[in-house]
C-alpha atoms as a PDB file:
ATOM      1  CA  MET A   1      11.871  14.393  21.246  1.00  0.00           C
ATOM      2  CA  THR A   2      10.326  15.169  17.841  1.00  0.00           C
ATOM      3  CA  ASN A   3      12.743  16.568  15.267  1.00  0.00           C
ATOM      4  CA  LEU A   4      10.747  19.207  13.397  1.00  0.00           C
ATOM      5  CA  ASN A   5      12.903  18.610  10.315  1.00  0.00           C
ATOM      6  CA  ASP A   6      11.372  15.118  10.126  1.00  0.00           C
ATOM      7  CA  CYS A   7       7.810  16.382  10.139  1.00  0.00           C
ATOM      8  CA  VAL A   8       5.515  16.889   7.164  1.00  0.00           C
ATOM      9  CA  ASP A   9       2.237  18.802   7.243  1.00  0.00           C
ATOM     10  CA  PRO A  10      -0.322  16.052   6.473  1.00  0.00           C
ATOM     11  CA  LYS A  11      -2.324  18.594   4.452  1.00  0.00           C
ATOM     12  CA  LEU A  12       0.528  18.702   1.912  1.00  0.00           C
ATOM     13  CA  VAL A  13       0.423  14.947   1.252  1.00  0.00           C
ATOM     14  CA  PRO A  14      -1.478  14.148  -1.983  1.00  0.00           C
ATOM     15  CA  GLN A  15      -4.927  12.580  -1.514  1.00  0.00           C
ATOM     16  CA  ARG A  16      -6.871   9.939  -3.447  1.00  0.00           C
ATOM     17  CA  THR A  17     -10.637  10.241  -3.676  1.00  0.00           C
ATOM     18  CA  LEU A  18     -12.481   6.951  -3.189  1.00  0.00           C
ATOM     19  CA  ARG A  19     -15.839   6.166  -4.745  1.00  0.00           C
ATOM     20  CA  GLY A  20     -18.336   7.821  -2.423  1.00  0.00           C
ATOM     21  CA  GLY A  21     -16.035  10.777  -1.813  1.00  0.00           C
ATOM     22  CA  ASP A  22     -13.821   9.752   1.114  1.00  0.00           C
ATOM     23  CA  LYS A  23     -10.231  10.991   0.905  1.00  0.00           C
ATOM     24  CA  MET A  24      -7.288   8.630   1.390  1.00  0.00           C
ATOM     25  CA  PRO A  25      -3.659   9.777   1.695  1.00  0.00           C
ATOM     26  CA  ALA A  26      -1.452   8.880  -1.274  1.00  0.00           C
ATOM     27  CA  VAL A  27       1.052   7.218   1.069  1.00  0.00           C
ATOM     28  CA  GLY A  28       0.449   5.117   4.166  1.00  0.00           C
ATOM     29  CA  MET A  29       2.351   3.138   6.782  1.00  0.00           C
ATOM     30  CA  GLY A  30       2.298  -0.649   6.709  1.00  0.00           C
ATOM     31  CA  THR A  31       2.177  -2.557  10.008  1.00  0.00           C
ATOM     32  CA  PHE A  32       3.242  -6.086   9.033  1.00  0.00           C
ATOM     33  CA  GLY A  33       6.367  -6.902  11.019  1.00  0.00           C
ATOM     34  CA  SER A  34       7.235  -9.802   8.674  1.00  0.00           C
ATOM     35  CA  ASP A  35       8.104 -12.076  11.614  1.00  0.00           C
ATOM     36  CA  ARG A  36      11.176  -9.866  12.170  1.00  0.00           C
ATOM     37  CA  PHE A  37       9.863  -7.124  14.443  1.00  0.00           C
ATOM     38  CA  SER A  38       7.818  -7.401  17.630  1.00  0.00           C
ATOM     39  CA  ALA A  39       4.297  -6.009  18.029  1.00  0.00           C
ATOM     40  CA  LYS A  40       5.748  -3.438  20.414  1.00  0.00           C
ATOM     41  CA  GLN A  41       8.294  -2.277  17.836  1.00  0.00           C
ATOM     42  CA  VAL A  42       5.579  -1.923  15.197  1.00  0.00           C
ATOM     43  CA  ALA A  43       3.318   0.033  17.577  1.00  0.00           C
ATOM     44  CA  GLU A  44       6.176   2.377  18.479  1.00  0.00           C
ATOM     45  CA  ALA A  45       6.827   2.934  14.770  1.00  0.00           C
ATOM     46  CA  VAL A  46       3.146   3.801  14.242  1.00  0.00           C
ATOM     47  CA  LYS A  47       3.400   6.388  17.006  1.00  0.00           C
ATOM     48  CA  GLY A  48       6.528   7.889  15.474  1.00  0.00           C
ATOM     49  CA  ALA A  49       4.980   7.872  12.004  1.00  0.00           C
ATOM     50  CA  ALA A  50       1.929   9.782  13.276  1.00  0.00           C
ATOM     51  CA  GLU A  51       4.301  12.332  14.811  1.00  0.00           C
ATOM     52  CA  VAL A  52       6.065  12.977  11.502  1.00  0.00           C
ATOM     53  CA  GLY A  53       2.813  13.331   9.545  1.00  0.00           C
ATOM     54  CA  PHE A  54       1.502   9.912   8.511  1.00  0.00           C
ATOM     55  CA  ARG A  55      -2.293   9.694   8.742  1.00  0.00           C
ATOM     56  CA  MET A  56      -2.928   6.408   6.925  1.00  0.00           C
ATOM     57  CA  PHE A  57      -2.127   3.108   8.647  1.00  0.00           C
ATOM     58  CA  ASP A  58      -2.648  -0.309   7.081  1.00  0.00           C
ATOM     59  CA  CYS A  59      -3.490  -2.932   9.711  1.00  0.00           C
ATOM     60  CA  ALA A  60      -4.713  -6.544   9.739  1.00  0.00           C
ATOM     61  CA  SER A  61      -5.970  -8.936  12.383  1.00  0.00           C
ATOM     62  CA  VAL A  62      -3.459 -11.630  11.417  1.00  0.00           C
ATOM     63  CA  TYR A  63      -0.487  -9.328  12.090  1.00  0.00           C
ATOM     64  CA  GLY A  64      -1.079  -9.915  15.806  1.00  0.00           C
ATOM     65  CA  ASN A  65      -0.405  -6.321  16.836  1.00  0.00           C
ATOM     66  CA  GLU A  66      -3.729  -4.479  16.538  1.00  0.00           C
ATOM     67  CA  ASN A  67      -4.216  -4.324  20.307  1.00  0.00           C
ATOM     68  CA  LEU A  68      -0.935  -2.441  20.818  1.00  0.00           C
ATOM     69  CA  ILE A  69      -1.520  -0.247  17.769  1.00  0.00           C
ATOM     70  CA  GLY A  70      -4.947   0.576  19.217  1.00  0.00           C
ATOM     71  CA  GLU A  71      -3.287   1.964  22.337  1.00  0.00           C
ATOM     72  CA  VAL A  72      -1.224   4.217  20.064  1.00  0.00           C
ATOM     73  CA  PHE A  73      -4.301   5.387  18.121  1.00  0.00           C
ATOM     74  CA  GLU A  74      -6.017   6.245  21.409  1.00  0.00           C
ATOM     75  CA  GLU A  75      -2.959   8.213  22.495  1.00  0.00           C
ATOM     76  CA  VAL A  76      -2.671   9.958  19.112  1.00  0.00           C
ATOM     77  CA  ILE A  77      -6.312  11.056  19.193  1.00  0.00           C
ATOM     78  CA  LYS A  78      -5.983  12.303  22.773  1.00  0.00           C
ATOM     79  CA  SER A  79      -2.945  14.343  21.670  1.00  0.00           C
ATOM     80  CA  GLY A  80      -5.170  16.450  19.426  1.00  0.00           C
ATOM     81  CA  ILE A  81      -5.199  14.624  16.080  1.00  0.00           C
ATOM     82  CA  LYS A  82      -8.889  14.162  15.218  1.00  0.00           C
ATOM     83  CA  ARG A  83     -10.165  10.705  14.388  1.00  0.00           C
ATOM     84  CA  GLU A  84     -11.457  11.955  11.010  1.00  0.00           C
ATOM     85  CA  GLU A  85      -7.913  13.020  10.100  1.00  0.00           C
ATOM     86  CA  LEU A  86      -6.776   9.383  10.336  1.00  0.00           C
ATOM     87  CA  PHE A  87      -7.385   6.803   7.626  1.00  0.00           C
ATOM     88  CA  ILE A  88      -7.248   3.313   9.163  1.00  0.00           C
ATOM     89  CA  THR A  89      -7.525   0.073   7.216  1.00  0.00           C
ATOM     90  CA  SER A  90      -7.748  -3.513   8.424  1.00  0.00           C
ATOM     91  CA  LYS A  91      -8.473  -6.950   7.005  1.00  0.00           C
ATOM     92  CA  VAL A  92     -10.480 -10.070   7.764  1.00  0.00           C
ATOM     93  CA  TRP A  93      -8.223 -13.143   7.883  1.00  0.00           C
ATOM     94  CA  ASN A  94      -8.779 -16.346   5.933  1.00  0.00           C
ATOM     95  CA  ASP A  95     -10.157 -18.375   8.849  1.00  0.00           C
ATOM     96  CA  MET A  96     -12.983 -15.846   9.478  1.00  0.00           C
ATOM     97  CA  HIS A  97     -14.717 -15.875   6.083  1.00  0.00           C
ATOM     98  CA  GLY A  98     -17.857 -17.725   7.116  1.00  0.00           C
ATOM     99  CA  LYS A  99     -21.297 -16.267   7.772  1.00  0.00           C
ATOM    100  CA  GLY A 100     -21.148 -14.158  10.893  1.00  0.00           C
ATOM    101  CA  ASP A 101     -17.398 -14.677  11.295  1.00  0.00           C
ATOM    102  CA  VAL A 102     -16.610 -11.579   9.210  1.00  0.00           C
ATOM    103  CA  LEU A 103     -18.724  -9.529  11.596  1.00  0.00           C
ATOM    104  CA  LEU A 104     -16.996 -11.082  14.619  1.00  0.00           C
ATOM    105  CA  SER A 105     -13.578 -10.416  13.107  1.00  0.00           C
ATOM    106  CA  CYS A 106     -14.436  -6.778  12.454  1.00  0.00           C
ATOM    107  CA  ALA A 107     -15.829  -6.375  15.969  1.00  0.00           C
ATOM    108  CA  GLN A 108     -12.583  -7.718  17.451  1.00  0.00           C
ATOM    109  CA  THR A 109     -10.506  -5.393  15.260  1.00  0.00           C
ATOM    110  CA  LEU A 110     -12.616  -2.384  16.312  1.00  0.00           C
ATOM    111  CA  LYS A 111     -12.119  -3.356  19.942  1.00  0.00           C
ATOM    112  CA  ASP A 112      -8.363  -3.914  19.516  1.00  0.00           C
ATOM    113  CA  LEU A 113      -7.811  -0.705  17.534  1.00  0.00           C
ATOM    114  CA  ARG A 114     -10.067   1.230  19.958  1.00  0.00           C
ATOM    115  CA  LEU A 115     -12.079   2.705  17.110  1.00  0.00           C
ATOM    116  CA  ASP A 116     -15.765   3.241  16.366  1.00  0.00           C
ATOM    117  CA  TYR A 117     -15.306   2.586  12.663  1.00  0.00           C
ATOM    118  CA  ILE A 118     -12.681   1.473  10.134  1.00  0.00           C
ATOM    119  CA  ASP A 119     -12.112   3.626   7.071  1.00  0.00           C
ATOM    120  CA  LEU A 120     -11.397   0.733   4.718  1.00  0.00           C
ATOM    121  CA  TYR A 121     -11.843  -2.979   5.434  1.00  0.00           C
ATOM    122  CA  PHE A 122     -10.368  -5.663   3.156  1.00  0.00           C
ATOM    123  CA  VAL A 123     -10.839  -9.358   2.502  1.00  0.00           C
ATOM    124  CA  HIS A 124      -7.161 -10.204   3.105  1.00  0.00           C
ATOM    125  CA  TRP A 125      -6.962 -13.176   0.697  1.00  0.00           C
ATOM    126  CA  PRO A 126      -9.625 -14.588  -1.642  1.00  0.00           C
ATOM    127  CA  PHE A 127      -9.157 -18.063  -0.127  1.00  0.00           C
ATOM    128  CA  ARG A 128     -10.273 -19.621   3.134  1.00  0.00           C
ATOM    129  CA  ASN A 129      -6.932 -21.435   3.277  1.00  0.00           C
ATOM    130  CA  PHE A 130      -4.628 -20.466   6.100  1.00  0.00           C
ATOM    131  CA  HIS A 131      -1.463 -21.601   7.793  1.00  0.00           C
ATOM    132  CA  PRO A 132      -0.128 -21.686  11.358  1.00  0.00           C
ATOM    133  CA  GLU A 133       2.264 -18.968  12.485  1.00  0.00           C
ATOM    134  CA  GLY A 134       5.800 -19.556  11.252  1.00  0.00           C
ATOM    135  CA  ALA A 135       4.757 -22.106   8.640  1.00  0.00           C
ATOM    136  CA  PRO A 136       7.624 -23.312   6.392  1.00  0.00           C
ATOM    137  CA  PRO A 137       7.437 -22.624   2.620  1.00  0.00           C
ATOM    138  CA  ASP A 138       6.322 -26.174   1.816  1.00  0.00           C
ATOM    139  CA  TYR A 139       3.455 -26.172   4.356  1.00  0.00           C
ATOM    140  CA  HIS A 140       0.066 -27.115   2.901  1.00  0.00           C
ATOM    141  CA  SER A 141      -3.098 -27.385   4.957  1.00  0.00           C
ATOM    142  CA  PRO A 142      -4.985 -30.622   4.204  1.00  0.00           C
ATOM    143  CA  ASP A 143      -8.167 -28.494   4.181  1.00  0.00           C
ATOM    144  CA  ALA A 144      -6.898 -25.992   1.594  1.00  0.00           C
ATOM    145  CA  ARG A 145      -9.009 -25.636  -1.561  1.00  0.00           C
ATOM    146  CA  PRO A 146      -8.919 -23.599  -4.784  1.00  0.00           C
ATOM    147  CA  TYR A 147     -10.859 -20.352  -5.134  1.00  0.00           C
ATOM    148  CA  ASN A 148     -14.607 -20.818  -4.655  1.00  0.00           C
ATOM    149  CA  HIS A 149     -16.622 -17.875  -5.933  1.00  0.00           C
ATOM    150  CA  GLU A 150     -19.791 -18.709  -4.009  1.00  0.00           C
ATOM    151  CA  GLU A 151     -17.821 -18.769  -0.772  1.00  0.00           C
ATOM    152  CA  TYR A 152     -16.081 -15.526  -1.638  1.00  0.00           C
ATOM    153  CA  MET A 153     -19.414 -13.808  -2.304  1.00  0.00           C
ATOM    154  CA  GLU A 154     -20.740 -15.106   1.029  1.00  0.00           C
ATOM    155  CA  THR A 155     -17.799 -13.269   2.614  1.00  0.00           C
ATOM    156  CA  TRP A 156     -18.285 -10.180   0.454  1.00  0.00           C
ATOM    157  CA  TYR A 157     -21.964  -9.834   1.352  1.00  0.00           C
ATOM    158  CA  GLN A 158     -20.916  -9.822   5.006  1.00  0.00           C
ATOM    159  CA  MET A 159     -18.496  -7.005   4.143  1.00  0.00           C
ATOM    160  CA  GLU A 160     -21.395  -5.137   2.556  1.00  0.00           C
ATOM    161  CA  ARG A 161     -23.393  -5.567   5.784  1.00  0.00           C
ATOM    162  CA  LEU A 162     -20.555  -3.984   7.747  1.00  0.00           C
ATOM    163  CA  LYS A 163     -20.563  -0.967   5.436  1.00  0.00           C
ATOM    164  CA  LYS A 164     -24.329  -0.569   5.569  1.00  0.00           C
ATOM    165  CA  ALA A 165     -24.200  -0.726   9.377  1.00  0.00           C
ATOM    166  CA  GLY A 166     -21.502   1.965   9.506  1.00  0.00           C
ATOM    167  CA  TYR A 167     -18.813  -0.153  11.150  1.00  0.00           C
ATOM    168  CA  VAL A 168     -16.644   0.361   8.065  1.00  0.00           C
ATOM    169  CA  ARG A 169     -16.794   3.290   5.660  1.00  0.00           C
ATOM    170  CA  ASN A 170     -15.405   1.463   2.626  1.00  0.00           C
ATOM    171  CA  ILE A 171     -14.720  -2.144   1.650  1.00  0.00           C
ATOM    172  CA  GLY A 172     -12.007  -3.550  -0.569  1.00  0.00           C
ATOM    173  CA  THR A 173     -10.197  -6.583  -1.911  1.00  0.00           C
ATOM    174  CA  SER A 174      -6.632  -7.780  -1.491  1.00  0.00           C
ATOM    175  CA  ASN A 175      -4.410 -10.263  -3.331  1.00  0.00           C
ATOM    176  CA  MET A 176      -6.955 -10.532  -6.131  1.00  0.00           C
ATOM    177  CA  THR A 177      -6.592 -11.153  -9.855  1.00  0.00           C
ATOM    178  CA  VAL A 178      -8.455  -9.730 -12.840  1.00  0.00           C
ATOM    179  CA  PRO A 179     -10.548 -12.907 -13.425  1.00  0.00           C
ATOM    180  CA  LYS A 180     -11.635 -12.980  -9.772  1.00  0.00           C
ATOM    181  CA  LEU A 181     -12.394  -9.252  -9.732  1.00  0.00           C
ATOM    182  CA  LYS A 182     -14.547  -9.580 -12.855  1.00  0.00           C
ATOM    183  CA  LEU A 183     -16.728 -12.132 -11.056  1.00  0.00           C
ATOM    184  CA  LEU A 184     -16.934  -9.952  -7.945  1.00  0.00           C
ATOM    185  CA  LEU A 185     -17.974  -6.868  -9.940  1.00  0.00           C
ATOM    186  CA  ARG A 186     -20.622  -8.950 -11.703  1.00  0.00           C
ATOM    187  CA  ASP A 187     -22.201 -10.162  -8.471  1.00  0.00           C
ATOM    188  CA  CYS A 188     -21.612  -7.528  -5.779  1.00  0.00           C
ATOM    189  CA  THR A 189     -24.150  -4.902  -4.716  1.00  0.00           C
ATOM    190  CA  ILE A 190     -21.467  -2.619  -3.231  1.00  0.00           C
ATOM    191  CA  MET A 191     -18.377  -2.110  -5.348  1.00  0.00           C
ATOM    192  CA  PRO A 192     -14.889  -2.357  -3.834  1.00  0.00           C
ATOM    193  CA  ALA A 193     -13.398   1.078  -3.160  1.00  0.00           C
ATOM    194  CA  ALA A 194      -9.797  -0.137  -3.296  1.00  0.00           C
ATOM    195  CA  SER A 195      -7.696  -3.206  -3.945  1.00  0.00           C
ATOM    196  CA  GLU A 196      -4.445  -3.988  -2.166  1.00  0.00           C
ATOM    197  CA  MET A 197      -1.803  -5.677  -4.299  1.00  0.00           C
ATOM    198  CA  GLU A 198       1.945  -6.143  -4.566  1.00  0.00           C
ATOM    199  CA  LEU A 199       3.377  -3.200  -6.522  1.00  0.00           C
ATOM    200  CA  HIS A 200       6.988  -2.086  -6.909  1.00  0.00           C
ATOM    201  CA  PRO A 201       9.209  -1.145  -9.884  1.00  0.00           C
ATOM    202  CA  SER A 202      10.168  -4.779 -10.531  1.00  0.00           C
ATOM    203  CA  PHE A 203       6.527  -5.924 -10.311  1.00  0.00           C
ATOM    204  CA  GLN A 204       4.163  -3.344 -11.781  1.00  0.00           C
ATOM    205  CA  GLN A 205       1.123  -5.549 -12.579  1.00  0.00           C
ATOM    206  CA  PRO A 206      -0.082  -3.282 -15.419  1.00  0.00           C
ATOM    207  CA  GLU A 207      -3.126  -5.402 -16.318  1.00  0.00           C
ATOM    208  CA  LEU A 208      -4.485  -5.542 -12.756  1.00  0.00           C
ATOM    209  CA  PHE A 209      -3.455  -1.936 -12.019  1.00  0.00           C
ATOM    210  CA  ASN A 210      -5.222  -0.580 -15.105  1.00  0.00           C
ATOM    211  CA  PHE A 211      -8.285  -2.783 -14.583  1.00  0.00           C
ATOM    212  CA  CYS A 212      -8.721  -1.305 -11.106  1.00  0.00           C
ATOM    213  CA  LEU A 213      -8.345   2.282 -12.313  1.00  0.00           C
ATOM    214  CA  GLU A 214     -10.802   1.693 -15.153  1.00  0.00           C
ATOM    215  CA  HIS A 215     -13.401   0.467 -12.650  1.00  0.00           C
ATOM    216  CA  GLY A 216     -12.918   3.198 -10.050  1.00  0.00           C
ATOM    217  CA  ILE A 217     -10.988   0.912  -7.666  1.00  0.00           C
ATOM    218  CA  ARG A 218      -8.006   2.608  -6.007  1.00  0.00           C
ATOM    219  CA  PRO A 219      -4.823   0.484  -6.092  1.00  0.00           C
ATOM    220  CA  ILE A 220      -2.910   0.256  -2.807  1.00  0.00           C
ATOM    221  CA  GLY A 221       0.587  -1.152  -3.206  1.00  0.00           C
ATOM    222  CA  PHE A 222       2.285  -3.308  -0.593  1.00  0.00           C
ATOM    223  CA  SER A 223       5.994  -4.180  -0.704  1.00  0.00           C
ATOM    224  CA  PRO A 224       6.658  -0.853  -2.487  1.00  0.00           C
ATOM    225  CA  ILE A 225      10.443  -1.079  -2.146  1.00  0.00           C
ATOM    226  CA  GLY A 226      10.601  -4.825  -2.789  1.00  0.00           C
ATOM    227  CA  SER A 227      10.003  -5.993   0.792  1.00  0.00           C
ATOM    228  CA  PRO A 228      13.588  -6.776   1.859  1.00  0.00           C
ATOM    229  CA  THR A 229      12.309  -7.868   5.301  1.00  0.00           C
ATOM    230  CA  ARG A 230       9.578 -10.187   3.981  1.00  0.00           C
ATOM    231  CA  PRO A 231       9.348 -13.653   5.584  1.00  0.00           C
ATOM    232  CA  ASP A 232      12.043 -16.096   4.475  1.00  0.00           C
ATOM    233  CA  ARG A 233       9.333 -18.492   3.284  1.00  0.00           C
ATOM    234  CA  ASP A 234       8.542 -16.060   0.455  1.00  0.00           C
ATOM    235  CA  LYS A 235      12.127 -15.767  -0.802  1.00  0.00           C
ATOM    236  CA  THR A 236      13.413 -17.695  -3.823  1.00  0.00           C
ATOM    237  CA  ASP A 237      16.655 -17.634  -5.820  1.00  0.00           C
ATOM    238  CA  ASP A 238      14.895 -15.949  -8.764  1.00  0.00           C
ATOM    239  CA  ASP A 239      13.843 -12.845  -6.793  1.00  0.00           C
ATOM    240  CA  VAL A 240      15.206  -9.474  -7.830  1.00  0.00           C
ATOM    241  CA  VAL A 241      16.024  -6.565  -5.512  1.00  0.00           C
ATOM    242  CA  ASP A 242      14.349  -3.278  -6.501  1.00  0.00           C
ATOM    243  CA  ILE A 243      16.806  -1.057  -4.673  1.00  0.00           C
ATOM    244  CA  GLU A 244      19.641  -2.660  -6.658  1.00  0.00           C
ATOM    245  CA  ASP A 245      17.923  -2.275 -10.037  1.00  0.00           C
ATOM    246  CA  ALA A 246      20.179  -0.321 -12.438  1.00  0.00           C
ATOM    247  CA  ILE A 247      17.439   2.154 -13.431  1.00  0.00           C
ATOM    248  CA  VAL A 248      16.353   2.777  -9.830  1.00  0.00           C
ATOM    249  CA  VAL A 249      19.969   3.198  -8.681  1.00  0.00           C
ATOM    250  CA  LYS A 250      20.795   5.597 -11.533  1.00  0.00           C
ATOM    251  CA  ILE A 251      17.824   7.870 -10.776  1.00  0.00           C
ATOM    252  CA  ALA A 252      18.545   7.704  -7.039  1.00  0.00           C
ATOM    253  CA  LYS A 253      22.102   8.945  -7.670  1.00  0.00           C
ATOM    254  CA  GLU A 254      20.776  11.818  -9.773  1.00  0.00           C
ATOM    255  CA  HIS A 255      18.427  12.846  -6.940  1.00  0.00           C
ATOM    256  CA  LYS A 256      21.055  12.134  -4.256  1.00  0.00           C
ATOM    257  CA  VAL A 257      18.698   9.869  -2.292  1.00  0.00           C
ATOM    258  CA  HIS A 258      18.491   6.199  -1.306  1.00  0.00           C
ATOM    259  CA  PRO A 259      16.978   3.969  -4.048  1.00  0.00           C
ATOM    260  CA  ALA A 260      14.061   3.133  -1.707  1.00  0.00           C
ATOM    261  CA  VAL A 261      12.989   6.791  -1.892  1.00  0.00           C
ATOM    262  CA  ILE A 262      12.742   6.545  -5.677  1.00  0.00           C
ATOM    263  CA  CYS A 263      10.496   3.477  -5.337  1.00  0.00           C
ATOM    264  CA  VAL A 264       8.086   5.406  -3.080  1.00  0.00           C
ATOM    265  CA  LYS A 265       8.118   8.503  -5.300  1.00  0.00           C
ATOM    266  CA  TRP A 266       7.423   6.360  -8.370  1.00  0.00           C
ATOM    267  CA  ALA A 267       4.486   4.664  -6.654  1.00  0.00           C
ATOM    268  CA  VAL A 268       2.812   7.907  -5.577  1.00  0.00           C
ATOM    269  CA  GLN A 269       3.305   9.585  -8.950  1.00  0.00           C
ATOM    270  CA  ARG A 270       2.107   6.512 -10.854  1.00  0.00           C
ATOM    271  CA  GLY A 271      -1.211   6.645  -9.014  1.00  0.00           C
ATOM    272  CA  GLN A 272      -1.150   3.900  -6.394  1.00  0.00           C
ATOM    273  CA  THR A 273      -0.958   4.404  -2.640  1.00  0.00           C
ATOM    274  CA  PRO A 274       2.217   2.712  -1.357  1.00  0.00           C
ATOM    275  CA  ILE A 275       2.297   1.476   2.240  1.00  0.00           C
ATOM    276  CA  PRO A 276       5.997   1.149   3.104  1.00  0.00           C
ATOM    277  CA  PHE A 277       6.910  -0.272   6.516  1.00  0.00           C
ATOM    278  CA  SER A 278       9.873   0.592   8.678  1.00  0.00           C
ATOM    279  CA  VAL A 279      10.567   0.741  12.393  1.00  0.00           C
ATOM    280  CA  TYR A 280      13.357   3.283  11.818  1.00  0.00           C
ATOM    281  CA  ARG A 281      12.384   6.926  12.162  1.00  0.00           C
ATOM    282  CA  LYS A 282      14.815   8.177   9.527  1.00  0.00           C
ATOM    283  CA  GLU A 283      13.322   5.753   6.997  1.00  0.00           C
ATOM    284  CA  TYR A 284       9.616   6.337   7.638  1.00  0.00           C
ATOM    285  CA  ALA A 285      10.117  10.088   7.921  1.00  0.00           C
ATOM    286  CA  GLY A 286      11.859   9.961   4.556  1.00  0.00           C
ATOM    287  CA  ASN A 287       9.022   7.857   3.097  1.00  0.00           C
ATOM    288  CA  ILE A 288       6.471  10.601   3.704  1.00  0.00           C
ATOM    289  CA  ARG A 289       8.710  13.580   3.012  1.00  0.00           C
ATOM    290  CA  CYS A 290       9.686  12.266  -0.417  1.00  0.00           C
ATOM    291  CA  THR A 291       6.047  12.472  -1.556  1.00  0.00           C
ATOM    292  CA  ILE A 292       5.930  16.262  -1.310  1.00  0.00           C
ATOM    293  CA  GLU A 293       9.324  17.344  -2.686  1.00  0.00           C
ATOM    294  CA  ASP A 294      11.673  16.815  -5.640  1.00  0.00           C
ATOM    295  CA  PRO A 295       9.252  14.959  -7.952  1.00  0.00           C
ATOM    296  CA  LEU A 296      10.422  12.582 -10.653  1.00  0.00           C
ATOM    297  CA  SER A 297      10.307  13.894 -14.210  1.00  0.00           C
ATOM    298  CA  ASP A 298       8.136  12.354 -16.934  1.00  0.00           C
ATOM    299  CA  LYS A 299      11.328  10.988 -18.477  1.00  0.00           C
ATOM    300  CA  GLU A 300      12.303   9.314 -15.184  1.00  0.00           C
ATOM    301  CA  MET A 301       8.805   7.870 -14.758  1.00  0.00           C
ATOM    302  CA  ASN A 302       9.023   6.404 -18.259  1.00  0.00           C
ATOM    303  CA  GLU A 303      12.458   4.947 -17.476  1.00  0.00           C
ATOM    304  CA  LEU A 304      11.100   3.343 -14.293  1.00  0.00           C
ATOM    305  CA  GLY A 305       8.310   1.814 -16.340  1.00  0.00           C
ATOM    306  CA  GLN A 306      11.066  -0.190 -18.057  1.00  0.00           C
ATOM    307  CA  ALA A 307      12.232  -1.624 -14.709  1.00  0.00           C
ATOM    308  CA  ASP A 308       9.326  -4.098 -14.608  1.00  0.00           C
ATOM    309  CA  LYS A 309      10.601  -7.684 -14.468  1.00  0.00           C
ATOM    310  CA  ASN A 310       7.272  -9.296 -13.539  1.00  0.00           C
ATOM    311  CA  CYS A 311       8.915 -10.531 -10.336  1.00  0.00           C
ATOM    312  CA  ARG A 312       6.325 -11.393  -7.696  1.00  0.00           C
ATOM    313  CA  LEU A 313       7.922 -11.524  -4.250  1.00  0.00           C
ATOM    314  CA  ILE A 314       4.925 -12.430  -2.051  1.00  0.00           C
ATOM    315  CA  LYS A 315       3.987 -15.703  -3.706  1.00  0.00           C
ATOM    316  CA  GLY A 316       1.550 -17.113  -1.129  1.00  0.00           C
ATOM    317  CA  GLN A 317       2.599 -20.724  -1.597  1.00  0.00           C
ATOM    318  CA  VAL A 318       1.517 -21.645   1.954  1.00  0.00           C
ATOM    319  CA  PHE A 319      -2.103 -21.303   0.740  1.00  0.00           C
ATOM    320  CA  LEU A 320      -1.809 -23.969  -1.974  1.00  0.00           C
ATOM    321  CA  TRP A 321      -4.164 -26.921  -2.090  1.00  0.00           C
ATOM    322  CA  LYS A 322      -3.521 -30.580  -2.881  1.00  0.00           C
ATOM    323  CA  GLY A 323      -3.184 -30.994  -6.637  1.00  0.00           C
ATOM    324  CA  ALA A 324      -2.103 -27.405  -7.309  1.00  0.00           C
ATOM    325  CA  LYS A 325       0.782 -27.098  -9.778  1.00  0.00           C
ATOM    326  CA  ASP A 326       2.722 -24.426  -7.865  1.00  0.00           C
ATOM    327  CA  TRP A 327       2.278 -20.911  -6.466  1.00  0.00           C
ATOM    328  CA  THR A 328       1.332 -19.549  -9.901  1.00  0.00           C
ATOM    329  CA  ASP A 329      -2.051 -21.310  -9.509  1.00  0.00           C
ATOM    330  CA  LEU A 330      -2.935 -18.714  -6.867  1.00  0.00           C
ATOM    331  CA  TRP A 331      -2.567 -15.874  -9.366  1.00  0.00           C
ATOM    332  CA  ASP A 332      -4.495 -17.022 -12.466  1.00  0.00           C
ATOM    333  CA  ILE A 333      -1.446 -16.431 -14.673  1.00  0.00           C
ATOM    334  CA  ASN A 334      -3.190 -17.579 -17.867  1.00  0.00           C
ATOM    335  CA  GLY A 335      -6.268 -15.435 -17.334  1.00  0.00           C
ATOM    336  CA  GLU A 336      -8.374 -18.278 -15.928  1.00  0.00           C
ATOM    337  CA  ILE A 337      -9.081 -19.144 -12.308  1.00  0.00           C
ATOM    338  CA  ALA A 338      -7.157 -22.258 -11.350  1.00  0.00           C
ATOM    339  CA  LYS A 339      -9.258 -25.208 -10.198  1.00  0.00           C
END
């Protein structure tokens, strides 16, 4: 039974305009179960999120749940929500970057999601390195290699083909850095419409965030509340917890809400599109409702800007290659692409 108090009119949710004119909601629902929730649980959460007003859903082939989510999308559309009201994203995984493989990956995603087109399709990681399911933190594939721009552009041109053919309406990047994006913008013939990156109060990535805005690339922020249910392999002793940050907690008390709500509000008002994930109705209903009521003041936004601790939580160390120093080599910390 749907509780009408949970529901938000999707028309009230702020929208972002992508290059080319497509509209994207300013908040979406993530679908990565982080190895902690089953595909069925995630699909049921997607259904509930659509009921309370979510229209943007961030999917990926590697999450292993697109087939069940597709059944939900089919059901949602049959219930009267028009396909054009939904904004669906997905991503090509690292082992499908080769010529033709990108097209095959997209075709499988379209089949699984039971859609005729994807609104926004990402290159999930800029590497062809990948790991088996449940890989430990110290796993390294013997075939893993550093970033190769020629290989990335081979993948990107396949993405451009998908857009030209109408299978995807927009294409984007994910887990990129400024040096890598500069090379892509130099060589692409279709610009990325959006870039998905880790963004939360303790990790604000101002250089990458501003670079994207300056080039008409919409930032989409994953782990917007600090990803407390992220895989254990990504956790280290140095990690901070956003919802325990003194500034976040103080503002949450003033608004009489959970600190996670402040993280989502901050993200939307800053200008990114957060994609929080939860399987709990109270939480995901709150995630969308908080975007349309009780906004943060300019003073509070400035305070939250001081919460940045440059703490990356999704480090990606399972993608490292032989000879790499550590996970920082994936992120071009010194402004140069690691070799």
